[in-house]
Amino acid sequence: MPEEDQQEKTERATPKRREEARKKGNVAKSIEINSSAVLLALLLFFKFMGGYVYRQVSYYSQLLFENFGTMYVNRDNLPGYIQLGGIVVAKIIGPVILTLLVVSLISNFAQVGPMLTFEPLIPKFDKLNPFSGFKKILFSRRSLEELVKNIFKILLIGLIAYLTIKGDVKEYIPLMDKAPSQIFKFVTYETFKVGLRIALVLLALSIFDYMFQRWEYERSIMMTKQEVKEEYKQLEGDPHIKARIRSIQREMARRRMIREIPEADVVITNPTEIAVALKYDSNEMEAPTVVAKGKGKIAEKIKKIAIENDIPIVENKPLAQALYKATEIGDEIPEEFFQAVAEVLAYVYKLKNKKVA
């Protein structure tokens, strides 16, 4: 077994792992939120729009029964009746379907945000084995959790309905003397009250279910330390290779620096640990430029090349240390060093019998 398979998944998922899981449709989501939200929306729809639905059903039912005896269906008028039936169904059922669709989209969006993926719809033939499928259904931990959860929901719904009906049982006997319309109104009200209580309780439970699903999702996408390292290598590159590249870059910069030392006008030292080589051309530069700098062995190398090329070496410990800390190779010296460097260059030009440009 590979070593990473034996490692524990102790690391939180990286953004890349989360993005890959999201593309596959693997997100933290509770179906219970969708179900309870749809049930609550359906109840509220009939609470506020039930009169509209009732009037539409009554109107078209009356129209149908009044004209039933005179209706004659043949090949010529059948399309018209079908179109009329479609309009009637759309006016009655359309608002209900639209409401449920909007609520479903909102509840999904609230849980997972904007997401469009077709990968879960792609058939996976390795999952079509009926024996492994039955095994997952009957013996998996997920199936057991769902079974316990559904049994609890059934018992809870039954308890809520029982307590609600029991609380209003004294109002049932007087219904014997009521008109059918009053009985219908009472039954509708009682059904709405039971349904609303069930929907609110299920909605509250669905929030806990969502928290559980999110916890389980986070656990399912956790990574081993080795997986995190491998992903880091893929994104950032192998650290060993990067270190090698940096080493090559430093070597190339050092060689370029060494080639430019013979063009310097002066090397300022502190005197043994630091060396800074400066070049100044009044026709091309606004200020003296650092062409090389270094400490230790590199400083010794700079001084050696300066001696070989008859470049003056000036000992100025404070200036050498300040220039080494404040500048990089290729930088013009900062303004605060102009006076001190000008004095050094003047001394150098005097040695070479040059005038300061």
Protein backbone atom coordinates (compact mmCIF):
# COMPACT_ATOMS: atom_id res chain seq x y z
CA MET A 1 0.00 0.00 0.00
CA PRO A 2 1.45 3.44 -0.90
CA GLU A 3 2.75 5.48 1.99
CA GLU A 4 0.28 8.33 1.48
CA ASP A 5 -2.64 5.88 1.69
CA GLN A 6 -1.45 4.90 5.17
CA GLN A 7 -1.17 8.50 6.38
CA GLU A 8 -3.95 10.08 8.34
CA LYS A 9 -5.86 12.92 6.72
CA THR A 10 -5.13 15.60 9.29
CA GLU A 11 -4.76 18.71 7.10
CA ARG A 12 -7.53 21.06 6.04
CA ALA A 13 -8.28 21.02 2.33
CA THR A 14 -6.39 23.52 0.23
CA PRO A 15 -8.22 25.98 -2.07
CA LYS A 16 -7.21 23.83 -5.06
CA ARG A 17 -8.72 20.68 -3.49
CA ARG A 18 -11.92 22.60 -2.69
CA GLU A 19 -12.16 23.90 -6.24
CA GLU A 20 -11.68 20.40 -7.69
CA ALA A 21 -14.38 19.01 -5.38
CA ARG A 22 -16.73 21.84 -6.36
CA LYS A 23 -16.23 21.16 -10.07
CA LYS A 24 -17.31 17.56 -9.39
CA GLY A 25 -20.45 18.77 -7.61
CA ASN A 26 -19.07 17.73 -4.23
CA VAL A 27 -20.22 20.53 -1.90
CA ALA A 28 -21.66 20.88 1.58
CA LYS A 29 -25.41 20.75 1.09
CA SER A 30 -28.44 19.65 3.05
CA ILE A 31 -31.45 18.31 1.15
CA GLU A 32 -33.46 18.86 4.32
CA ILE A 33 -33.18 22.64 3.89
CA ASN A 34 -34.62 22.39 0.38
CA SER A 35 -37.47 20.12 1.51
CA SER A 36 -38.45 22.19 4.54
CA ALA A 37 -38.16 25.47 2.61
CA VAL A 38 -40.38 24.12 -0.20
CA LEU A 39 -42.96 22.84 2.32
CA LEU A 40 -43.02 26.18 4.14
CA ALA A 41 -43.29 28.10 0.85
CA LEU A 42 -46.15 25.85 -0.28
CA LEU A 43 -48.08 26.46 2.94
CA LEU A 44 -47.54 30.21 2.82
CA PHE A 45 -48.54 30.28 -0.84
CA PHE A 46 -51.89 28.66 -0.10
CA LYS A 47 -52.27 30.87 2.97
CA PHE A 48 -52.04 34.08 0.93
CA MET A 49 -52.96 32.83 -2.57
CA GLY A 50 -55.40 30.07 -1.66
CA GLY A 51 -58.36 32.36 -2.44
CA TYR A 52 -57.05 32.90 -5.95
CA VAL A 53 -56.61 29.16 -6.56
CA TYR A 54 -60.05 28.44 -5.08
CA ARG A 55 -61.71 31.03 -7.31
CA GLN A 56 -60.00 29.73 -10.44
CA VAL A 57 -60.92 26.12 -9.69
CA SER A 58 -64.52 27.10 -8.86
CA TYR A 59 -64.91 29.21 -11.98
CA TYR A 60 -63.59 26.62 -14.44
CA SER A 61 -65.36 23.74 -12.68
CA GLN A 62 -68.66 25.57 -12.91
CA LEU A 63 -67.96 26.44 -16.54
CA LEU A 64 -67.16 22.81 -17.31
CA PHE A 65 -70.26 21.35 -15.65
CA GLU A 66 -72.61 23.96 -17.13
CA ASN A 67 -71.43 23.25 -20.66
CA PHE A 68 -70.64 19.56 -20.32
CA GLY A 69 -73.85 18.46 -22.03
CA THR A 70 -73.32 20.71 -25.04
CA MET A 71 -69.64 20.02 -25.52
CA TYR A 72 -68.84 18.01 -28.60
CA VAL A 73 -65.26 16.98 -29.24
CA ASN A 74 -64.05 16.24 -32.74
CA ARG A 75 -60.83 16.45 -34.68
CA ASP A 76 -61.41 20.09 -35.58
CA ASN A 77 -62.05 21.52 -32.11
CA LEU A 78 -59.78 19.18 -30.12
CA PRO A 79 -56.70 21.48 -30.43
CA GLY A 80 -58.78 24.36 -29.08
CA TYR A 81 -59.92 22.33 -26.04
CA ILE A 82 -56.33 21.21 -25.42
CA GLN A 83 -55.11 24.81 -25.60
CA LEU A 84 -57.86 25.95 -23.25
CA GLY A 85 -57.03 23.15 -20.83
CA GLY A 86 -53.37 24.17 -20.92
CA ILE A 87 -54.27 27.76 -20.10
CA VAL A 88 -56.49 26.66 -17.20
CA VAL A 89 -53.78 24.41 -15.76
CA ALA A 90 -51.17 27.16 -16.19
CA LYS A 91 -53.34 29.71 -14.37
CA ILE A 92 -53.99 27.32 -11.47
CA ILE A 93 -50.79 25.29 -11.20
CA GLY A 94 -48.35 27.79 -12.76
CA PRO A 95 -48.05 30.13 -9.74
CA VAL A 96 -47.51 27.13 -7.44
CA ILE A 97 -44.75 25.67 -9.62
CA LEU A 98 -43.11 29.08 -10.08
CA THR A 99 -43.10 29.67 -6.31
CA LEU A 100 -41.57 26.28 -5.57
CA LEU A 101 -38.98 26.75 -8.31
CA VAL A 102 -37.87 30.13 -6.96
CA VAL A 103 -37.68 28.83 -3.38
CA SER A 104 -35.66 25.78 -4.51
CA LEU A 105 -33.18 27.97 -6.40
CA ILE A 106 -32.82 30.36 -3.45
CA SER A 107 -32.28 27.57 -0.92
CA ASN A 108 -29.67 25.93 -3.17
CA PHE A 109 -27.92 29.23 -3.85
CA ALA A 110 -27.84 30.06 -0.13
CA GLN A 111 -26.02 26.79 0.57
CA VAL A 112 -23.53 26.44 -2.28
CA GLY A 113 -23.56 29.78 -4.11
CA PRO A 114 -23.42 30.01 -7.92
CA MET A 115 -22.44 26.63 -9.32
CA LEU A 116 -23.01 24.94 -12.66
CA THR A 117 -21.54 21.51 -13.26
CA PHE A 118 -22.64 18.54 -15.34
CA GLU A 119 -20.05 16.09 -14.01
CA PRO A 120 -22.46 14.41 -11.56
CA LEU A 121 -24.68 13.58 -14.57
CA ILE A 122 -21.91 11.74 -16.42
CA PRO A 123 -22.53 7.98 -16.07
CA LYS A 124 -19.81 6.11 -14.22
CA PHE A 125 -19.91 2.46 -15.25
CA ASP A 126 -17.76 1.34 -12.33
CA LYS A 127 -20.64 2.31 -10.06
CA LEU A 128 -23.22 0.19 -11.89
CA ASN A 129 -22.29 -3.00 -10.03
CA PRO A 130 -25.58 -3.99 -8.30
CA PHE A 131 -23.84 -5.93 -5.54
CA SER A 132 -21.64 -3.03 -4.45
CA GLY A 133 -24.67 -0.76 -4.78
CA PHE A 134 -26.78 -2.90 -2.45
CA LYS A 135 -23.86 -3.12 -0.06
CA LYS A 136 -23.64 0.68 0.11
CA ILE A 137 -27.39 1.00 0.58
CA LEU A 138 -27.72 -1.64 3.28
CA PHE A 139 -24.46 -1.52 5.20
CA SER A 140 -22.90 1.93 4.79
CA ARG A 141 -22.65 4.40 7.65
CA ARG A 142 -24.38 6.99 5.48
CA SER A 143 -27.40 4.75 4.99
CA LEU A 144 -27.64 4.11 8.72
CA GLU A 145 -27.48 7.85 9.43
CA GLU A 146 -30.24 8.54 6.91
CA LEU A 147 -32.39 5.72 8.33
CA VAL A 148 -32.11 7.05 11.87
CA LYS A 149 -32.74 10.60 10.69
CA ASN A 150 -35.86 9.64 8.71
CA ILE A 151 -37.30 7.58 11.59
CA PHE A 152 -36.75 10.54 13.91
CA LYS A 153 -38.46 12.89 11.42
CA ILE A 154 -41.49 10.59 11.09
CA LEU A 155 -41.85 10.31 14.86
CA LEU A 156 -41.44 14.08 15.26
CA ILE A 157 -44.00 14.87 12.55
CA GLY A 158 -46.45 12.42 14.10
CA LEU A 159 -45.94 13.95 17.54
CA ILE A 160 -46.48 17.52 16.28
CA ALA A 161 -49.64 16.52 14.40
CA TYR A 162 -50.96 14.60 17.41
CA LEU A 163 -50.35 17.45 19.88
CA THR A 164 -51.86 20.05 17.53
CA ILE A 165 -55.00 18.01 16.82
CA LYS A 166 -55.33 17.03 20.47
CA GLY A 167 -55.23 20.71 21.48
CA ASP A 168 -58.19 21.51 19.20
CA VAL A 169 -60.22 18.32 19.75
CA LYS A 170 -62.88 20.19 21.73
CA GLU A 171 -63.75 22.17 18.59
CA TYR A 172 -64.52 19.06 16.51
CA ILE A 173 -67.90 18.12 18.04
CA PRO A 174 -69.57 21.52 17.26
CA LEU A 175 -68.72 20.95 13.60
CA MET A 176 -71.68 18.54 13.40
CA ASP A 177 -73.98 21.54 13.37
CA LYS A 178 -71.94 23.63 10.96
CA ALA A 179 -72.44 24.20 7.25
CA PRO A 180 -70.13 22.39 4.80
CA SER A 181 -68.37 25.67 3.98
CA GLN A 182 -67.60 26.26 7.67
CA ILE A 183 -66.37 22.68 8.08
CA PHE A 184 -64.15 23.09 5.03
CA LYS A 185 -62.80 26.36 6.41
CA PHE A 186 -62.01 24.77 9.80
CA VAL A 187 -60.32 21.74 8.22
CA THR A 188 -58.26 24.05 5.98
CA TYR A 189 -57.19 26.17 8.96
CA GLU A 190 -56.33 23.09 11.03
CA THR A 191 -54.33 21.58 8.17
CA PHE A 192 -52.41 24.82 7.70
CA LYS A 193 -51.63 25.05 11.42
CA VAL A 194 -50.32 21.48 11.56
CA GLY A 195 -48.34 21.93 8.37
CA LEU A 196 -46.85 25.25 9.47
CA ARG A 197 -45.65 23.84 12.79
CA ILE A 198 -44.16 20.82 11.05
CA ALA A 199 -42.46 23.00 8.43
CA LEU A 200 -40.94 25.36 11.03
CA VAL A 201 -39.63 22.48 13.15
CA LEU A 202 -38.20 20.73 10.08
CA LEU A 203 -36.60 23.99 8.95
CA ALA A 204 -34.92 24.35 12.35
CA LEU A 205 -33.73 20.75 12.19
CA SER A 206 -32.47 21.25 8.64
CA ILE A 207 -30.12 23.98 9.87
CA PHE A 208 -28.52 21.48 12.23
CA ASP A 209 -28.42 18.97 9.38
CA TYR A 210 -26.64 21.51 7.20
CA MET A 211 -24.07 22.11 9.94
CA PHE A 212 -23.55 18.34 10.17
CA GLN A 213 -23.25 18.00 6.39
CA ARG A 214 -20.71 20.82 6.33
CA TRP A 215 -18.68 19.15 9.08
CA GLU A 216 -18.81 15.83 7.23
CA TYR A 217 -17.88 17.53 3.96
CA GLU A 218 -14.85 19.21 5.54
CA ARG A 219 -13.80 15.86 6.93
CA SER A 220 -14.25 14.11 3.58
CA ILE A 221 -11.95 16.51 1.69
CA MET A 222 -9.19 16.60 4.30
CA MET A 223 -5.71 15.83 3.03
CA THR A 224 -2.61 14.06 4.25
CA LYS A 225 0.58 16.01 4.83
CA GLN A 226 2.07 14.32 1.79
CA GLU A 227 -0.83 15.40 -0.42
CA VAL A 228 -0.40 19.00 0.72
CA LYS A 229 3.33 18.84 -0.06
CA GLU A 230 2.70 17.35 -3.51
CA GLU A 231 0.13 20.00 -4.32
CA TYR A 232 2.48 22.73 -3.15
CA LYS A 233 5.15 21.32 -5.44
CA GLN A 234 2.74 21.37 -8.39
CA LEU A 235 1.64 24.95 -7.72
CA GLU A 236 4.91 26.50 -6.60
CA GLY A 237 7.46 24.11 -8.07
CA ASP A 238 9.78 21.66 -6.39
CA PRO A 239 11.67 23.50 -3.57
CA HIS A 240 14.90 21.76 -4.56
CA ILE A 241 14.53 22.89 -8.16
CA LYS A 242 13.65 26.42 -7.06
CA ALA A 243 16.69 26.50 -4.76
CA ARG A 244 18.86 25.32 -7.65
CA ILE A 245 17.44 28.04 -9.92
CA ARG A 246 18.10 30.70 -7.28
CA SER A 247 21.64 29.39 -6.89
CA ILE A 248 22.23 29.62 -10.65
CA GLN A 249 20.75 33.12 -10.72
CA ARG A 250 23.03 34.24 -7.89
CA GLU A 251 26.04 32.75 -9.68
CA MET A 252 25.13 34.54 -12.92
CA ALA A 253 24.66 37.83 -11.05
CA ARG A 254 28.00 37.36 -9.31
CA ARG A 255 29.78 36.70 -12.62
CA ARG A 256 28.12 39.74 -14.19
CA MET A 257 29.20 41.79 -11.19
CA ILE A 258 32.78 40.51 -11.46
CA ARG A 259 32.88 41.52 -15.16
CA GLU A 260 31.81 45.07 -14.34
CA ILE A 261 34.34 45.69 -11.52
CA PRO A 262 37.16 46.72 -13.91
CA GLU A 263 34.85 49.57 -15.07
CA ALA A 264 34.58 51.00 -11.55
CA ASP A 265 36.20 54.27 -10.51
CA VAL A 266 36.72 53.41 -6.85
CA VAL A 267 36.24 50.62 -4.30
CA ILE A 268 35.25 51.70 -0.81
CA THR A 269 36.04 49.26 2.04
CA ASN A 270 35.59 49.10 5.78
CA PRO A 271 38.50 47.80 5.34
CA THR A 272 38.41 43.98 5.60
CA GLU A 273 34.79 42.77 5.63
CA ILE A 274 32.93 44.96 3.13
CA ALA A 275 33.74 46.29 -0.33
CA VAL A 276 31.54 48.51 -2.53
CA ALA A 277 32.62 49.38 -6.08
CA LEU A 278 31.31 52.65 -7.56
CA LYS A 279 31.27 53.99 -11.09
CA TYR A 280 30.46 57.52 -12.19
CA ASP A 281 30.13 58.98 -15.69
CA SER A 282 28.85 62.54 -15.66
CA ASN A 283 27.69 62.25 -19.28
CA GLU A 284 25.47 59.19 -18.69
CA MET A 285 24.67 59.11 -14.96
CA GLU A 286 22.96 61.50 -12.61
CA ALA A 287 24.72 59.97 -9.60
CA PRO A 288 27.43 57.39 -8.91
CA THR A 289 26.23 53.81 -9.39
CA VAL A 290 27.01 50.65 -7.43
CA VAL A 291 28.51 48.11 -9.83
CA ALA A 292 29.58 45.56 -7.19
CA LYS A 293 29.36 44.93 -3.48
CA GLY A 294 30.06 42.06 -1.16
CA LYS A 295 31.15 40.78 2.23
CA GLY A 296 33.83 38.35 3.25
CA LYS A 297 35.25 36.35 0.36
CA ILE A 298 33.32 38.36 -2.22
CA ALA A 299 34.77 41.58 -0.76
CA GLU A 300 38.25 40.08 -1.03
CA LYS A 301 37.50 39.13 -4.66
CA ILE A 302 36.37 42.69 -5.44
CA LYS A 303 39.54 44.19 -3.91
CA LYS A 304 41.72 41.69 -5.74
CA ILE A 305 40.19 42.58 -9.11
CA ALA A 306 40.47 46.29 -8.25
CA ILE A 307 44.19 45.90 -7.54
CA GLU A 308 44.67 43.97 -10.77
CA ASN A 309 42.98 46.78 -12.75
CA ASP A 310 44.62 49.71 -10.88
CA ILE A 311 41.30 50.82 -9.37
CA PRO A 312 41.81 52.93 -6.22
CA ILE A 313 40.72 51.34 -2.95
CA VAL A 314 39.59 53.84 -0.32
CA GLU A 315 39.07 52.84 3.31
CA ASN A 316 36.00 54.49 4.80
CA LYS A 317 34.30 52.21 7.28
CA PRO A 318 31.07 54.20 7.98
CA LEU A 319 30.48 54.97 4.29
CA ALA A 320 31.19 51.40 3.17
CA GLN A 321 28.75 49.95 5.73
CA ALA A 322 26.05 52.53 4.92
CA LEU A 323 26.32 52.00 1.15
CA TYR A 324 26.28 48.20 1.55
CA LYS A 325 23.04 48.33 3.59
CA ALA A 326 21.26 51.05 1.59
CA THR A 327 21.94 50.01 -2.01
CA GLU A 328 21.79 47.08 -4.39
CA ILE A 329 23.93 46.35 -7.41
CA GLY A 330 22.91 48.68 -10.25
CA ASP A 331 21.41 51.31 -7.90
CA GLU A 332 22.42 54.94 -7.91
CA ILE A 333 23.58 56.02 -4.48
CA PRO A 334 20.98 57.83 -2.33
CA GLU A 335 21.13 61.59 -2.07
CA GLU A 336 22.34 61.56 1.55
CA PHE A 337 25.62 59.99 0.41
CA PHE A 338 26.37 62.49 -2.36
CA GLN A 339 28.70 64.66 -0.25
CA ALA A 340 30.71 61.76 1.20
CA VAL A 341 31.05 59.98 -2.16
CA ALA A 342 31.93 63.24 -3.92
CA GLU A 343 34.83 63.71 -1.51
CA VAL A 344 36.02 60.17 -2.19
CA LEU A 345 35.78 60.66 -5.97
CA ALA A 346 37.56 64.00 -5.74
CA TYR A 347 40.39 62.27 -3.87
CA VAL A 348 40.49 59.52 -6.52
CA TYR A 349 40.50 62.00 -9.42
CA LYS A 350 43.24 63.93 -7.69
CA LEU A 351 45.27 60.73 -7.51
CA LYS A 352 44.71 60.16 -11.21
CA ASN A 353 45.30 63.84 -12.03
CA LYS A 354 41.66 64.17 -13.26
CA LYS A 355 39.23 66.96 -12.77
CA VAL A 356 35.84 66.33 -11.30
CA ALA A 357 33.40 66.46 -14.15
